[in-house]
N, C-alpha and C. Protein backbone atom coordinates (compact mmCIF):
# COMPACT_ATOMS: atom_id res chain seq x y z
N UNK A 1 -5.58 13.26 3.49
CA UNK A 1 -5.24 13.14 2.09
C UNK A 1 -4.95 11.66 1.79
N UNK A 2 -5.24 11.24 0.59
CA UNK A 2 -5.00 9.87 0.16
C UNK A 2 -3.78 9.81 -0.74
N UNK A 3 -3.04 8.70 -0.63
CA UNK A 3 -1.84 8.50 -1.43
C UNK A 3 -1.88 7.10 -2.04
N UNK A 4 -1.06 6.92 -3.07
CA UNK A 4 -0.90 5.64 -3.73
C UNK A 4 0.58 5.28 -3.61
N UNK A 5 0.86 4.11 -3.04
CA UNK A 5 2.25 3.72 -2.81
C UNK A 5 2.84 3.00 -4.01
N UNK A 6 4.14 3.14 -4.16
CA UNK A 6 4.85 2.29 -5.10
C UNK A 6 5.64 1.26 -4.28
N UNK A 7 6.22 0.31 -4.97
CA UNK A 7 6.88 -0.81 -4.29
C UNK A 7 8.08 -0.35 -3.47
N UNK A 8 8.94 0.46 -4.07
CA UNK A 8 10.14 0.87 -3.36
C UNK A 8 9.81 1.63 -2.08
N UNK A 9 8.93 2.59 -2.16
CA UNK A 9 8.59 3.38 -0.97
C UNK A 9 8.02 2.48 0.12
N UNK A 10 7.12 1.57 -0.26
CA UNK A 10 6.52 0.67 0.73
C UNK A 10 7.58 -0.19 1.41
N UNK A 11 8.44 -0.82 0.62
CA UNK A 11 9.46 -1.69 1.21
C UNK A 11 10.50 -0.91 1.99
N UNK A 12 10.89 0.26 1.48
CA UNK A 12 11.86 1.06 2.21
C UNK A 12 11.29 1.53 3.54
N UNK A 13 10.01 1.90 3.58
CA UNK A 13 9.38 2.30 4.84
C UNK A 13 9.31 1.10 5.78
N UNK A 14 8.84 -0.02 5.27
CA UNK A 14 8.64 -1.21 6.09
C UNK A 14 9.95 -1.74 6.65
N UNK A 15 11.05 -1.60 5.91
CA UNK A 15 12.35 -2.12 6.37
C UNK A 15 13.22 -1.04 7.02
N UNK A 16 12.66 0.13 7.24
CA UNK A 16 13.40 1.25 7.83
C UNK A 16 14.67 1.57 7.05
N UNK A 17 14.57 1.50 5.73
CA UNK A 17 15.72 1.77 4.88
C UNK A 17 16.03 3.27 4.83
N UNK A 18 17.31 3.62 4.85
CA UNK A 18 17.69 5.02 4.70
C UNK A 18 17.47 5.53 3.27
N UNK A 19 17.10 4.63 2.36
CA UNK A 19 16.87 5.03 0.97
C UNK A 19 15.58 5.82 0.78
N UNK A 20 14.64 5.72 1.73
CA UNK A 20 13.36 6.41 1.58
C UNK A 20 13.57 7.92 1.73
N UNK A 21 12.92 8.68 0.87
CA UNK A 21 13.05 10.14 0.94
C UNK A 21 12.32 10.67 2.18
N UNK A 22 12.70 11.84 2.61
CA UNK A 22 12.04 12.43 3.78
C UNK A 22 10.57 12.73 3.47
N UNK A 23 10.27 13.11 2.24
CA UNK A 23 8.89 13.38 1.85
C UNK A 23 8.04 12.11 1.92
N UNK A 24 8.55 11.01 1.36
CA UNK A 24 7.82 9.75 1.41
C UNK A 24 7.69 9.25 2.84
N UNK A 25 8.75 9.38 3.63
CA UNK A 25 8.68 8.96 5.04
C UNK A 25 7.61 9.76 5.78
N UNK A 26 7.49 11.04 5.47
CA UNK A 26 6.46 11.87 6.10
C UNK A 26 5.06 11.39 5.77
N UNK A 27 4.85 10.97 4.53
CA UNK A 27 3.54 10.45 4.12
C UNK A 27 3.22 9.19 4.92
N UNK A 28 4.18 8.28 5.03
CA UNK A 28 3.94 7.04 5.78
C UNK A 28 3.74 7.33 7.27
N UNK A 29 4.47 8.30 7.81
CA UNK A 29 4.29 8.67 9.22
C UNK A 29 2.89 9.22 9.45
N UNK A 30 2.40 10.07 8.54
CA UNK A 30 1.05 10.62 8.68
C UNK A 30 0.01 9.52 8.56
N UNK A 31 0.27 8.55 7.70
CA UNK A 31 -0.66 7.43 7.56
C UNK A 31 -0.72 6.62 8.86
N UNK A 32 0.42 6.31 9.41
CA UNK A 32 0.44 5.53 10.65
C UNK A 32 -0.15 6.31 11.82
N UNK A 33 -0.13 7.64 11.73
CA UNK A 33 -0.74 8.47 12.77
C UNK A 33 -2.24 8.65 12.55
N UNK A 34 -2.77 8.07 11.46
CA UNK A 34 -4.19 8.17 11.17
C UNK A 34 -4.59 9.44 10.47
N UNK A 35 -3.63 10.17 9.92
CA UNK A 35 -3.91 11.45 9.28
C UNK A 35 -4.11 11.35 7.77
N UNK A 36 -3.80 10.20 7.20
CA UNK A 36 -3.96 10.01 5.76
C UNK A 36 -4.15 8.53 5.48
N UNK A 37 -4.43 8.22 4.23
CA UNK A 37 -4.64 6.84 3.80
C UNK A 37 -3.68 6.56 2.65
N UNK A 38 -3.08 5.38 2.68
CA UNK A 38 -2.21 4.95 1.59
C UNK A 38 -2.85 3.72 0.94
N UNK A 39 -3.11 3.82 -0.35
CA UNK A 39 -3.61 2.69 -1.12
C UNK A 39 -2.41 1.95 -1.70
N UNK A 40 -2.47 0.63 -1.67
CA UNK A 40 -1.39 -0.20 -2.18
C UNK A 40 -1.94 -1.08 -3.29
N UNK A 41 -1.59 -0.77 -4.54
CA UNK A 41 -2.11 -1.56 -5.67
C UNK A 41 -1.63 -3.01 -5.60
N UNK A 42 -2.43 -3.90 -6.14
CA UNK A 42 -2.07 -5.32 -6.14
C UNK A 42 -0.75 -5.57 -6.85
N UNK A 43 -0.42 -4.79 -7.87
CA UNK A 43 0.85 -4.97 -8.57
C UNK A 43 2.03 -4.67 -7.65
N UNK A 44 1.85 -3.74 -6.71
CA UNK A 44 2.91 -3.45 -5.74
C UNK A 44 3.12 -4.66 -4.83
N UNK A 45 2.02 -5.28 -4.41
CA UNK A 45 2.14 -6.47 -3.57
C UNK A 45 2.78 -7.63 -4.34
N UNK A 46 2.43 -7.75 -5.63
CA UNK A 46 3.02 -8.80 -6.45
C UNK A 46 4.53 -8.57 -6.62
N UNK A 47 4.91 -7.31 -6.83
CA UNK A 47 6.34 -7.00 -6.97
C UNK A 47 7.07 -7.24 -5.65
N UNK A 48 6.43 -6.91 -4.53
CA UNK A 48 7.04 -7.17 -3.22
C UNK A 48 7.28 -8.67 -3.03
N UNK A 49 6.33 -9.49 -3.48
CA UNK A 49 6.48 -10.93 -3.40
C UNK A 49 7.67 -11.40 -4.24
N UNK A 50 7.81 -10.86 -5.44
CA UNK A 50 8.94 -11.22 -6.31
C UNK A 50 10.26 -10.83 -5.67
N UNK A 51 10.32 -9.64 -5.11
CA UNK A 51 11.53 -9.16 -4.44
C UNK A 51 11.86 -10.06 -3.25
N UNK A 52 10.83 -10.44 -2.49
CA UNK A 52 11.02 -11.33 -1.35
C UNK A 52 11.55 -12.68 -1.81
N UNK A 53 10.94 -13.25 -2.85
CA UNK A 53 11.35 -14.58 -3.34
C UNK A 53 12.78 -14.57 -3.88
N UNK A 54 13.17 -13.47 -4.50
CA UNK A 54 14.53 -13.39 -5.05
C UNK A 54 15.55 -12.95 -4.00
N UNK A 55 15.05 -12.66 -2.79
CA UNK A 55 15.89 -12.23 -1.67
C UNK A 55 16.72 -10.99 -2.00
N UNK A 56 16.13 -10.11 -2.84
CA UNK A 56 16.80 -8.85 -3.18
C UNK A 56 16.75 -7.88 -2.00
N UNK A 57 15.69 -7.97 -1.21
CA UNK A 57 15.55 -7.20 0.02
C UNK A 57 15.06 -8.17 1.08
N UNK A 58 15.71 -8.19 2.22
CA UNK A 58 15.29 -9.10 3.28
C UNK A 58 14.22 -8.42 4.13
N UNK A 59 13.05 -9.04 4.18
CA UNK A 59 11.97 -8.54 5.01
C UNK A 59 10.99 -9.67 5.25
N UNK A 60 10.11 -9.48 6.22
CA UNK A 60 9.12 -10.48 6.58
C UNK A 60 7.85 -10.20 5.79
N UNK A 61 7.62 -10.96 4.73
CA UNK A 61 6.47 -10.73 3.86
C UNK A 61 5.15 -10.91 4.61
N UNK A 62 5.06 -11.93 5.46
CA UNK A 62 3.84 -12.15 6.23
C UNK A 62 3.55 -10.97 7.15
N UNK A 63 4.59 -10.43 7.75
CA UNK A 63 4.41 -9.27 8.64
C UNK A 63 3.94 -8.05 7.86
N UNK A 64 4.46 -7.88 6.64
CA UNK A 64 4.02 -6.77 5.79
C UNK A 64 2.53 -6.90 5.49
N UNK A 65 2.11 -8.09 5.05
CA UNK A 65 0.70 -8.31 4.74
C UNK A 65 -0.17 -8.14 5.98
N UNK A 66 0.31 -8.61 7.13
CA UNK A 66 -0.44 -8.47 8.38
C UNK A 66 -0.61 -6.99 8.74
N UNK A 67 0.47 -6.22 8.58
CA UNK A 67 0.41 -4.78 8.90
C UNK A 67 -0.61 -4.08 8.01
N UNK A 68 -0.61 -4.40 6.71
CA UNK A 68 -1.56 -3.80 5.78
C UNK A 68 -2.98 -4.21 6.16
N UNK A 69 -3.16 -5.50 6.44
CA UNK A 69 -4.49 -6.04 6.79
C UNK A 69 -5.06 -5.44 8.06
N UNK A 70 -4.22 -5.25 9.05
CA UNK A 70 -4.68 -4.81 10.36
C UNK A 70 -4.81 -3.29 10.47
N UNK A 71 -4.27 -2.58 9.51
CA UNK A 71 -4.27 -1.13 9.56
C UNK A 71 -5.60 -0.55 9.08
N UNK A 72 -5.99 0.55 9.68
CA UNK A 72 -7.15 1.31 9.22
C UNK A 72 -6.77 2.31 8.14
N UNK A 73 -5.47 2.47 7.90
CA UNK A 73 -5.01 3.52 7.00
C UNK A 73 -4.20 3.02 5.81
N UNK A 74 -3.94 1.73 5.74
CA UNK A 74 -3.33 1.12 4.56
C UNK A 74 -4.39 0.24 3.92
N UNK A 75 -4.59 0.38 2.62
CA UNK A 75 -5.60 -0.41 1.92
C UNK A 75 -4.99 -1.04 0.67
N UNK A 76 -5.05 -2.36 0.60
CA UNK A 76 -4.66 -3.04 -0.63
C UNK A 76 -5.83 -2.93 -1.60
N UNK A 77 -5.55 -2.57 -2.82
CA UNK A 77 -6.62 -2.42 -3.80
C UNK A 77 -6.28 -3.24 -5.04
N UNK A 78 -7.24 -4.05 -5.45
CA UNK A 78 -6.99 -4.98 -6.56
C UNK A 78 -7.67 -4.55 -7.85
N UNK A 79 -8.88 -3.99 -7.76
CA UNK A 79 -9.66 -3.70 -8.97
C UNK A 79 -9.97 -2.23 -9.13
N UNK A 80 -9.21 -1.38 -8.53
CA UNK A 80 -9.48 0.05 -8.62
C UNK A 80 -9.47 0.65 -7.23
N UNK A 81 -9.61 1.94 -7.18
CA UNK A 81 -9.60 2.67 -5.91
C UNK A 81 -11.01 3.03 -5.51
N UNK A 82 -11.28 3.02 -4.20
CA UNK A 82 -12.59 3.48 -3.77
C UNK A 82 -12.79 4.94 -4.16
N UNK A 83 -14.02 5.31 -4.53
CA UNK A 83 -14.28 6.71 -4.85
C UNK A 83 -14.53 7.47 -3.55
N UNK A 84 -14.85 8.73 -3.64
CA UNK A 84 -14.98 9.57 -2.45
C UNK A 84 -16.09 9.10 -1.52
N UNK A 85 -17.06 8.33 -2.02
CA UNK A 85 -18.12 7.83 -1.14
C UNK A 85 -17.72 6.54 -0.46
N UNK A 86 -16.51 6.04 -0.77
CA UNK A 86 -16.03 4.82 -0.16
C UNK A 86 -16.39 3.57 -0.94
N UNK A 87 -17.11 3.73 -2.06
CA UNK A 87 -17.48 2.58 -2.88
C UNK A 87 -16.40 2.32 -3.90
N UNK A 88 -16.21 1.07 -4.24
CA UNK A 88 -15.22 0.69 -5.23
C UNK A 88 -15.81 0.87 -6.62
N UNK A 89 -15.23 1.80 -7.40
CA UNK A 89 -15.74 2.08 -8.75
C UNK A 89 -15.73 0.85 -9.65
N UNK A 90 -14.80 -0.07 -9.40
CA UNK A 90 -14.71 -1.23 -10.27
C UNK A 90 -15.90 -2.17 -10.09
N UNK A 91 -16.64 -2.02 -8.99
CA UNK A 91 -17.80 -2.87 -8.73
C UNK A 91 -19.11 -2.17 -9.03
N UNK A 92 -19.03 -0.98 -9.57
CA UNK A 92 -20.22 -0.18 -9.83
C UNK A 92 -21.08 -0.84 -10.91
N UNK A 93 -22.37 -0.83 -10.71
CA UNK A 93 -23.30 -1.38 -11.69
C UNK A 93 -23.37 -0.45 -12.88
N UNK A 94 -23.09 -0.99 -14.06
CA UNK A 94 -23.10 -0.17 -15.27
C UNK A 94 -24.42 -0.23 -16.01
N UNK A 95 -25.39 -0.95 -15.44
CA UNK A 95 -26.69 -1.05 -16.08
C UNK A 95 -26.77 -2.14 -17.13
N UNK A 96 -25.72 -2.93 -17.25
CA UNK A 96 -25.70 -4.00 -18.26
C UNK A 96 -26.01 -5.36 -17.66
N UNK A 97 -26.60 -5.41 -16.48
CA UNK A 97 -26.85 -6.71 -15.86
C UNK A 97 -28.19 -7.28 -16.19
């Protein structure tokens, strides 16, 4: 199953915060076990950067980006989500070229 992360859940999972719900923690556990995929919108990454810069939550931003980059089950998405065929709908040819 595929999921879409929000900022709080991502940071709470990454920092091992007790604030994360058991349901959200289960989703992240299944993702890390290779049983699901979590998409991370660019706005979530931007908000994580703001939180990091304001030192509202202490975490290693580079390590977070590295974990997302190196994972087969976390995907940062900037222009939309891949469709079921794995293609990015935002890059689809609309016939206007």
